[in-house]
Amino acid sequence: MRQQRTGGARQAVFAPVDGGARVHAVVRRIGDAIDLGLLADGEQLPGETELAGQLGVSTVTLREALMALRQQGLVVTRRGRGGGSFVSSPETPDQERLRDRLRGWSTEELRDLGDHWAALSGTAGYLAAERTDDHDLEQLRRTVAELSRVPDAPTRGRLYGRFHVELAAAAQSARLTREQVALQTEVGALLCLVLGDDEYREEVADRHRDVISAVQDGAHTSARELAERCVRDTTARLIALRLAR
């Protein structure tokens, strides 16, 4: 079981969902957080009344969402003493399935996605350098340290995506954080296709450390440029892989 995570990124997971299709919004929010590792495998979710209150939905809506999550294999529910709803992280994604998914993107769509991602991460870096304290950077540092030592590409991909979510959280922007979570569900799984190479993994970790240093120094323009450059380079690698196939 992985350690339960704390911080702004986690707070965004349990922030009230937007109006409209509430059941779908809750399923998407919690499912996205599980995919990114913001909710750990085996972690117990808050009780139904508490969780419904945090998400700003009725208990009926929450129960329907939990049922959908159980059907997707993302949540298990246990009855009796010590019971409740618990996270069930999916198995390691199949590489061929991910390659098929990548083939479903055109190069124009990947480029457009990269532009959106760079704008989000660049703005997050800029604002984090203006707003955050050194204490708030500890989670980013832990994520980079973990990225530097994990051996498997899928976990590296989740950590890469998590870093950019946590950077948005360090910017103290709930909206930016939610946007990053949503974006990572589109591109996050694909990242393991380019992070299997140890040399590139280290390059990414170094880039992330540079972003943290710029944020710590209050160098907002550099933080924005470094975050954007990291994203654009990764997007270019995904496009090159797509063209090669």
Protein backbone atom coordinates (compact mmCIF):
# COMPACT_ATOMS: atom_id res chain seq x y z
CA MET A 1 0.00 0.00 0.00
CA ARG A 2 1.38 3.39 -0.95
CA GLN A 3 1.56 6.19 1.59
CA GLN A 4 -1.41 8.55 1.65
CA ARG A 5 -0.56 11.86 0.04
CA THR A 6 -1.23 15.33 1.41
CA GLY A 7 -1.09 18.88 0.11
CA GLY A 8 -2.82 21.18 -2.35
CA ALA A 9 -3.10 18.60 -5.12
CA ARG A 10 -5.00 16.28 -2.80
CA GLN A 11 -7.23 19.13 -1.61
CA ALA A 12 -8.20 19.77 -5.24
CA VAL A 13 -9.33 16.14 -5.54
CA PHE A 14 -11.96 16.69 -2.84
CA ALA A 15 -12.98 20.23 -3.81
CA PRO A 16 -16.65 20.70 -4.86
CA VAL A 17 -17.36 19.44 -8.37
CA ASP A 18 -18.89 21.66 -11.03
CA GLY A 19 -22.60 21.60 -11.78
CA GLY A 20 -24.23 19.58 -14.53
CA ALA A 21 -23.76 15.81 -14.69
CA ARG A 22 -22.71 15.42 -11.06
CA VAL A 23 -22.36 11.62 -11.05
CA HIS A 24 -20.06 11.72 -14.09
CA ALA A 25 -18.09 14.61 -12.56
CA VAL A 26 -17.48 12.69 -9.32
CA VAL A 27 -16.49 9.52 -11.20
CA ARG A 28 -14.11 11.51 -13.39
CA ARG A 29 -12.58 13.42 -10.46
CA ILE A 30 -11.88 10.36 -8.31
CA GLY A 31 -10.90 8.18 -11.26
CA ASP A 32 -8.43 10.81 -12.48
CA ALA A 33 -6.90 11.10 -9.01
CA ILE A 34 -6.44 7.31 -8.81
CA ASP A 35 -4.82 7.20 -12.26
CA LEU A 36 -2.34 9.90 -11.20
CA GLY A 37 -1.55 8.26 -7.87
CA LEU A 38 -2.95 11.19 -5.87
CA LEU A 39 -5.11 8.61 -4.14
CA ALA A 40 -3.04 5.60 -3.10
CA ASP A 41 -3.87 1.96 -3.73
CA GLY A 42 -5.69 0.59 -0.70
CA GLU A 43 -6.41 4.05 0.71
CA GLN A 44 -9.79 4.44 2.40
CA LEU A 45 -11.97 7.21 1.07
CA PRO A 46 -13.81 9.47 3.52
CA GLY A 47 -17.22 8.24 4.69
CA GLU A 48 -20.15 8.81 2.37
CA THR A 49 -21.61 11.77 4.29
CA GLU A 50 -18.23 13.48 4.67
CA LEU A 51 -17.16 12.85 1.06
CA ALA A 52 -20.50 14.02 -0.34
CA GLY A 53 -20.16 17.22 1.69
CA GLN A 54 -16.60 17.82 0.46
CA LEU A 55 -17.59 17.31 -3.16
CA GLY A 56 -20.77 19.37 -2.81
CA VAL A 57 -23.12 16.59 -3.95
CA SER A 58 -25.94 14.61 -2.37
CA THR A 59 -25.28 11.22 -0.79
CA VAL A 60 -27.50 9.68 -3.48
CA THR A 61 -25.27 11.15 -6.20
CA LEU A 62 -22.15 9.99 -4.37
CA ARG A 63 -23.48 6.43 -4.04
CA GLU A 64 -24.21 6.28 -7.77
CA ALA A 65 -20.68 7.53 -8.48
CA LEU A 66 -19.14 4.96 -6.13
CA MET A 67 -21.14 2.24 -7.84
CA ALA A 68 -19.74 3.33 -11.22
CA LEU A 69 -16.22 3.38 -9.79
CA ARG A 70 -16.71 -0.15 -8.42
CA GLN A 71 -17.85 -1.32 -11.85
CA GLN A 72 -14.64 0.16 -13.32
CA GLY A 73 -12.56 -1.68 -10.73
CA LEU A 74 -11.23 1.55 -9.22
CA VAL A 75 -12.97 1.26 -5.85
CA VAL A 76 -13.88 -1.69 -3.63
CA THR A 77 -16.41 -1.50 -0.80
CA ARG A 78 -16.18 -3.58 2.36
CA ARG A 79 -18.96 -4.00 4.90
CA GLY A 80 -18.80 -4.35 8.65
CA ARG A 81 -16.23 -3.13 11.14
CA GLY A 82 -13.33 -1.42 9.40
CA GLY A 83 -15.39 -1.27 6.24
CA GLY A 84 -15.86 1.53 3.74
CA SER A 85 -14.78 2.39 0.21
CA PHE A 86 -11.13 1.77 -0.69
CA VAL A 87 -9.03 2.72 -3.71
CA SER A 88 -8.07 -0.08 -6.09
CA SER A 89 -5.41 1.15 -8.50
CA PRO A 90 -5.46 -0.37 -12.00
CA GLU A 91 -2.77 -2.78 -13.11
CA THR A 92 0.23 -1.61 -15.10
CA PRO A 93 -1.01 -0.38 -18.52
CA ASP A 94 -0.28 -2.62 -21.47
CA GLN A 95 2.38 -1.13 -23.75
CA GLU A 96 0.69 -2.21 -26.97
CA ARG A 97 -2.62 -0.75 -25.83
CA LEU A 98 -0.85 2.56 -25.17
CA ARG A 99 0.77 2.48 -28.62
CA ASP A 100 -2.66 1.95 -30.13
CA ARG A 101 -3.92 4.89 -28.10
CA LEU A 102 -1.06 7.05 -29.35
CA ARG A 103 -1.88 6.11 -32.93
CA GLY A 104 -5.36 7.46 -32.28
CA TRP A 105 -3.90 10.96 -31.92
CA SER A 106 -2.94 13.03 -34.94
CA THR A 107 0.27 15.06 -34.75
CA GLU A 108 -1.85 18.23 -34.83
CA GLU A 109 -3.87 17.04 -31.85
CA LEU A 110 -0.73 16.16 -29.92
CA ARG A 111 0.78 19.55 -30.72
CA ASP A 112 -2.40 21.32 -29.59
CA LEU A 113 -2.46 19.29 -26.40
CA GLY A 114 1.19 20.18 -25.77
CA ASP A 115 0.44 23.88 -26.25
CA HIS A 116 -2.35 23.70 -23.68
CA TRP A 117 -0.18 21.73 -21.27
CA ALA A 118 2.74 24.16 -21.63
CA ALA A 119 0.43 27.10 -20.98
CA LEU A 120 -0.92 25.48 -17.81
CA SER A 121 2.47 24.41 -16.45
CA GLY A 122 4.16 27.66 -17.42
CA THR A 123 1.52 29.71 -15.63
CA ALA A 124 1.70 27.39 -12.63
CA GLY A 125 5.48 27.82 -12.44
CA TYR A 126 5.19 31.61 -12.71
CA LEU A 127 2.55 31.86 -9.98
CA ALA A 128 4.25 29.33 -7.71
CA ALA A 129 7.43 31.44 -7.79
CA GLU A 130 5.38 34.42 -6.64
CA ARG A 131 3.17 32.73 -4.06
CA THR A 132 4.67 29.62 -2.52
CA ASP A 133 6.98 29.15 0.44
CA ASP A 134 9.92 26.75 0.58
CA HIS A 135 7.92 24.48 2.88
CA ASP A 136 5.30 24.05 0.14
CA LEU A 137 7.94 22.68 -2.25
CA GLU A 138 8.68 19.56 -0.19
CA GLN A 139 6.09 17.47 -2.02
CA LEU A 140 7.58 18.48 -5.39
CA ARG A 141 11.03 17.49 -4.16
CA ARG A 142 9.79 14.11 -2.96
CA THR A 143 8.13 13.45 -6.31
CA VAL A 144 11.34 14.24 -8.21
CA ALA A 145 13.38 12.06 -5.86
CA GLU A 146 10.94 9.20 -6.41
CA LEU A 147 11.10 9.69 -10.18
CA SER A 148 14.88 9.36 -10.04
CA ARG A 149 14.79 5.91 -8.52
CA VAL A 150 11.72 4.04 -9.81
CA PRO A 151 12.60 1.40 -12.41
CA ASP A 152 9.35 1.01 -14.36
CA ALA A 153 8.10 3.36 -17.06
CA PRO A 154 4.40 3.46 -16.00
CA THR A 155 5.30 4.69 -12.51
CA ARG A 156 7.67 7.24 -14.03
CA GLY A 157 4.82 8.49 -16.21
CA ARG A 158 2.52 8.90 -13.21
CA LEU A 159 5.22 10.75 -11.28
CA TYR A 160 5.92 13.06 -14.23
CA GLY A 161 2.23 13.96 -14.43
CA ARG A 162 1.96 14.26 -10.66
CA PHE A 163 4.80 16.78 -10.61
CA HIS A 164 2.88 19.14 -12.89
CA VAL A 165 -0.29 18.72 -10.84
CA GLU A 166 1.64 19.52 -7.66
CA LEU A 167 3.27 22.53 -9.35
CA ALA A 168 -0.22 23.90 -10.00
CA ALA A 169 -1.11 23.21 -6.37
CA ALA A 170 2.03 25.12 -5.31
CA ALA A 171 0.68 28.04 -7.35
CA GLN A 172 -2.27 28.00 -4.91
CA SER A 173 -4.74 27.80 -7.77
CA ALA A 174 -7.49 25.21 -7.38
CA ARG A 175 -8.65 25.79 -10.96
CA LEU A 176 -5.17 25.30 -12.44
CA THR A 177 -4.77 22.15 -10.36
CA ARG A 178 -8.06 20.69 -11.58
CA GLU A 179 -7.12 21.54 -15.17
CA GLN A 180 -3.80 19.74 -14.77
CA VAL A 181 -5.50 16.67 -13.29
CA ALA A 182 -7.91 16.57 -16.24
CA LEU A 183 -5.11 17.03 -18.77
CA GLN A 184 -2.96 14.31 -17.25
CA THR A 185 -5.76 11.80 -17.75
CA GLU A 186 -5.46 12.51 -21.49
CA VAL A 187 -1.68 12.41 -21.83
CA GLY A 188 -0.38 10.89 -18.59
CA ALA A 189 -0.54 7.21 -19.55
CA LEU A 190 1.28 7.93 -22.82
CA LEU A 191 4.28 9.36 -20.99
CA CYS A 192 5.57 5.91 -20.10
CA LEU A 193 6.19 5.35 -23.84
CA VAL A 194 9.02 7.91 -23.71
CA LEU A 195 10.14 7.47 -20.08
CA GLY A 196 11.44 3.90 -20.39
CA ASP A 197 14.82 5.34 -21.36
CA ASP A 198 16.90 5.91 -18.20
CA GLU A 199 18.85 8.78 -19.73
CA TYR A 200 15.71 10.69 -20.61
CA ARG A 201 14.21 9.92 -17.20
CA GLU A 202 17.23 11.62 -15.60
CA GLU A 203 16.94 14.55 -18.00
CA VAL A 204 13.32 15.02 -16.96
CA ALA A 205 14.23 14.79 -13.26
CA ASP A 206 16.93 17.45 -13.77
CA ARG A 207 14.45 19.70 -15.56
CA HIS A 208 12.00 19.32 -12.70
CA ARG A 209 14.71 20.16 -10.18
CA ASP A 210 15.50 23.30 -12.19
CA VAL A 211 11.85 24.32 -12.02
CA ILE A 212 11.85 23.84 -8.24
CA SER A 213 15.03 25.93 -7.89
CA ALA A 214 13.53 28.76 -9.94
CA VAL A 215 10.33 28.67 -7.88
CA GLN A 216 12.34 28.65 -4.65
CA ASP A 217 14.36 31.66 -5.83
CA GLY A 218 11.23 33.57 -6.81
CA ALA A 219 12.44 33.68 -10.43
CA HIS A 220 8.94 33.58 -11.89
CA THR A 221 9.90 34.16 -15.52
CA SER A 222 12.53 31.41 -15.42
CA ALA A 223 10.14 29.06 -13.64
CA ARG A 224 7.58 29.57 -16.38
CA GLU A 225 10.08 29.08 -19.20
CA LEU A 226 11.61 25.97 -17.62
CA ALA A 227 8.21 24.35 -17.02
CA GLU A 228 7.13 25.13 -20.57
CA ARG A 229 10.38 23.78 -22.04
CA CYS A 230 10.03 20.51 -20.14
CA VAL A 231 6.50 19.98 -21.44
CA ARG A 232 7.31 20.98 -25.02
CA ASP A 233 10.27 18.61 -25.18
CA THR A 234 8.16 15.70 -23.97
CA THR A 235 5.39 16.57 -26.41
CA ALA A 236 7.95 16.64 -29.23
CA ARG A 237 9.10 13.15 -28.25
CA LEU A 238 5.54 11.84 -28.29
CA ILE A 239 5.01 13.40 -31.74
CA ALA A 240 8.23 11.84 -33.02
CA LEU A 241 7.13 8.46 -31.69
CA ARG A 242 3.73 8.89 -33.32
CA LEU A 243 5.34 9.73 -36.67
CA ALA A 244 7.70 6.76 -36.40
CA ARG A 245 4.68 4.47 -36.13
